[in-house]
Amino acid sequence: MNNWKRTFAIIWTGQFFSILSSSIANFGIIIWLSIETGSAETLAYAAIAGLLPQSLLGPFSGVFIDRWDRKKTMILADGFIAICTLGISLMFFFKSIELWYIYLLLALRSVGTAFHMPAMQASVPLLAPESELLRIAGINQSIQSVSNIAGPALAALALGMMDIGVLLLFDVAGAGFAIVSLLFVNIPNPKKETEDRGRLSDIFREMRLGIKEITRLRGIALIFFFSMLVMFCIMPVAVIFPLMTLEHFKGTTFQMSMIEAAWGVGMLLGGLLVGVIKWPFNKALAINLMHVILGSTLALSGMLPPSGYLLFVVLTGLGGAAATVYQSCFTAIIQQKLNPAMLGRVFSLYFSISFLPSLLGLLGTGFLADAVGLPLTFIALGGLIVLIGLLCFGIPEITAMGRDENSDEENAGSAPENPVT
């Protein structure tokens, strides 16, 4: 691990261009769908198409991520995502625009993401010292946040200058840059705990081992459970953010992009908070506090009058900061407490466990937005997130998971050393 900083610098450079171009492409599609349809239901279906394959494949993809070479897995996944984006671009070029085409290609992109994201997260503990995992998670979130700041603004600007089909080609180029950067680094693989014989029974057995690893520590299992509930509440709200700007605050597409940028600024500040400064805090308590803050920002946003757009921007930025601190702490806890050889399965299962229930929430997005209105949807779901955060403060098993190994005798030795081939 002597050259881990150099390795991450190369990886982060490639990932920055890839994530930024993806942000531009994704927001370009959101703007197009919002303007063309103005439907919360359509945006919800697009979100479902982008999440459902990843959720269903998660338990299986994790098994193969832990079996395969993780560097090659990320390269192939990036390449597949680029091909799918190129397909969407060509559809716009040839004016063959059907919503179900967009849904299908978004679903195919999700297949690639089901392999790329867990492989990346599972590789981090094998590349850097355990003491640096929280800072690395914070920097990763900062890269994501910078892309969320620039992506929407660049997408809105680009759509005024070029066709959306051309805009999507930036995502293809970004994926190519990420692939090239991975060619210059060495990503070690953990020692395999079982022999890969390719049998279906082995796959299911390894899936069960991944679930057993999550439930081995009750505190981790509880953190997973409450994260699932929070995601159930967040996803419907996330989908209707653009419509909240356009319909409730009577904003423009530029103002819609500014809301996305405000979320990104908040993410950047939150990422810097945990990525640059070493804070001696309990990471589990930080997660609970961030749930309270995030839920409060959503509920307060729903209480604003149509003239309260500027305060909506401020609350959105605060929510982005809370979400980043939460995600960074959660990732660091998982990477510290669980076996690195299992992390491909663990992160894949996490994405599946989090997203599958949230898809049920997305199915009700159109009903909520139409039946009770956008503001009340923000208030109700934000309030639920606050309650979840407050409840978690009273569970000692969760609190114990946020302590560092060397300060928690109960968990000392529970996380195996990083076995690297």
Foldseek 3Di string as FASTA:
>chain_A
DVCLVVLVVLLLVLVLLLLLLVLQLVLLVVVVCCVVPVALLLLLLLVCLLQVLLLVCLLLLLLVLLVDFLLVLQLVLLLQLLVLLLVVLVCVVVVVDDSVSSSNSSNSNSNSVSNNVLSVLLQVPVRDPLLQLLLVLLVVLLSNLVSLQVNLQVNVVVVVPDPSSVSSNSNSVSSVSSSVSSVPDDGFHFDDPDDCPPDPVVSVVLSVVLVCQQPVQVLSVVVLVLLLLLLLLVVLLVSCLLVCCCPQLVHDSNLSSLLSNLLSLLSNVLSCVRNVDPDQDQLLLLLLVLLQLLLVLLQVLLVDHSNCSVVNSVSSSVNSSSVSSNSSSSSSLPSQQGESSSSSSNVSNSSNSNVPSSSVSSNCSSVCCVPVNSSVSSNVSSVVSNVSSVVSVPDVSNSLSRHHLVVRVVRNPNYPDGGTD
